C-alpha atoms as a PDB file:
ATOM      1  CA  MET A   1       2.933 -23.693  -6.602  1.00  0.00           C
ATOM      2  CA  ASN A   2       0.070 -24.925  -9.268  1.00  0.00           C
ATOM      3  CA  LEU A   3      -2.319 -22.184 -11.020  1.00  0.00           C
ATOM      4  CA  THR A   4      -5.432 -22.777  -9.381  1.00  0.00           C
ATOM      5  CA  LYS A   5      -3.855 -23.040  -5.778  1.00  0.00           C
ATOM      6  CA  TYR A   6      -3.073 -19.244  -6.480  1.00  0.00           C
ATOM      7  CA  PHE A   7      -6.228 -18.352  -7.730  1.00  0.00           C
ATOM      8  CA  ARG A   8      -7.722 -20.037  -4.889  1.00  0.00           C
ATOM      9  CA  ASP A   9      -5.844 -18.216  -2.690  1.00  0.00           C
ATOM     10  CA  ALA A  10      -6.469 -14.713  -3.892  1.00  0.00           C
ATOM     11  CA  VAL A  11      -9.885 -15.128  -4.019  1.00  0.00           C
ATOM     12  CA  SER A  12      -9.957 -15.922  -0.192  1.00  0.00           C
ATOM     13  CA  GLU A  13      -8.134 -12.935   0.507  1.00  0.00           C
ATOM     14  CA  LEU A  14     -10.452 -10.607  -0.982  1.00  0.00           C
ATOM     15  CA  HIS A  15     -13.332 -12.421   0.722  1.00  0.00           C
ATOM     16  CA  ARG A  16     -11.067 -10.909   3.955  1.00  0.00           C
ATOM     17  CA  VAL A  17     -10.801  -7.562   2.534  1.00  0.00           C
ATOM     18  CA  SER A  18     -12.465  -4.565   4.530  1.00  0.00           C
ATOM     19  CA  TRP A  19     -13.910  -3.088   1.669  1.00  0.00           C
ATOM     20  CA  PRO A  20     -15.557   0.544   2.229  1.00  0.00           C
ATOM     21  CA  THR A  21     -18.986   1.344   1.519  1.00  0.00           C
ATOM     22  CA  ARG A  22     -20.708   3.254  -1.072  1.00  0.00           C
ATOM     23  CA  GLN A  23     -20.592   6.901   0.577  1.00  0.00           C
ATOM     24  CA  GLN A  24     -16.459   6.083   1.802  1.00  0.00           C
ATOM     25  CA  ALA A  25     -15.609   5.141  -1.875  1.00  0.00           C
ATOM     26  CA  ILE A  26     -17.591   8.514  -2.933  1.00  0.00           C
ATOM     27  CA  ARG A  27     -16.254  10.495  -0.002  1.00  0.00           C
ATOM     28  CA  ILE A  28     -12.589   9.229  -0.866  1.00  0.00           C
ATOM     29  CA  SER A  29     -13.279   9.670  -4.676  1.00  0.00           C
ATOM     30  CA  ILE A  30     -14.108  13.652  -4.416  1.00  0.00           C
ATOM     31  CA  VAL A  31     -11.073  14.216  -1.934  1.00  0.00           C
ATOM     32  CA  VAL A  32      -8.590  12.258  -4.937  1.00  0.00           C
ATOM     33  CA  LEU A  33      -9.827  14.707  -7.778  1.00  0.00           C
ATOM     34  CA  ALA A  34      -9.867  18.055  -5.744  1.00  0.00           C
ATOM     35  CA  VAL A  35      -6.284  17.035  -4.531  1.00  0.00           C
ATOM     36  CA  THR A  36      -5.664  16.135  -8.340  1.00  0.00           C
ATOM     37  CA  PHE A  37      -7.254  19.759  -9.577  1.00  0.00           C
ATOM     38  CA  VAL A  38      -5.239  21.604  -7.004  1.00  0.00           C
ATOM     39  CA  ILE A  39      -1.770  20.321  -7.904  1.00  0.00           C
ATOM     40  CA  ALA A  40      -2.324  20.677 -11.499  1.00  0.00           C
ATOM     41  CA  PHE A  41      -3.453  24.028 -11.114  1.00  0.00           C
ATOM     42  CA  MET A  42      -0.427  24.267  -8.707  1.00  0.00           C
ATOM     43  CA  LEU A  43       1.623  23.291 -11.503  1.00  0.00           C
ATOM     44  CA  GLY A  44       0.023  25.053 -14.360  1.00  0.00           C
ATOM     45  CA  PHE A  45       0.924  28.070 -12.843  1.00  0.00           C
ATOM     46  CA  LEU A  46       4.408  27.509 -11.746  1.00  0.00           C
ATOM     47  CA  ASP A  47       5.067  26.092 -15.331  1.00  0.00           C
ATOM     48  CA  THR A  48       3.390  29.369 -16.534  1.00  0.00           C
ATOM     49  CA  PHE A  49       5.659  31.171 -14.214  1.00  0.00           C
ATOM     50  CA  LEU A  50       8.897  29.542 -15.117  1.00  0.00           C
ATOM     51  CA  ALA A  51       7.866  30.106 -18.957  1.00  0.00           C
ATOM     52  CA  TRP A  52       7.451  33.875 -18.375  1.00  0.00           C
ATOM     53  CA  GLY A  53      10.691  34.251 -16.420  1.00  0.00           C
ATOM     54  CA  TYR A  54      12.315  32.476 -19.219  1.00  0.00           C
ATOM     55  CA  GLN A  55      11.197  34.671 -21.640  1.00  0.00           C
ATOM     56  CA  GLN A  56      12.306  37.916 -19.367  1.00  0.00           C
ATOM     57  CA  LEU A  57      15.937  36.086 -19.885  1.00  0.00           C
ATOM     58  CA  LEU A  58      15.805  35.820 -23.281  1.00  0.00           C
ATOM     59  CA  LYS A  59      14.751  39.072 -23.611  1.00  0.00           C
ATOM     60  CA  LEU A  60      17.746  40.602 -21.657  1.00  0.00           C
ATOM     61  CA  SER A  61      20.599  38.560 -23.138  1.00  0.00           C
ATOM     62  CA  ALA A  62      19.449  39.706 -26.448  1.00  0.00           C
END
């Protein structure tokens, strides 16, 4: 397969893609950002809690 045919086929496929509307793209982006922040908060809380627990274990062994 030559390179020209590959790019021609790729452009042809992109014309057949069902792209979201602007409103759908904005809504999906907001959901992705919200989920990202929630998971980041949860991981930060878990990290802080585990670090605190580790410090408590170190105090017991000293």
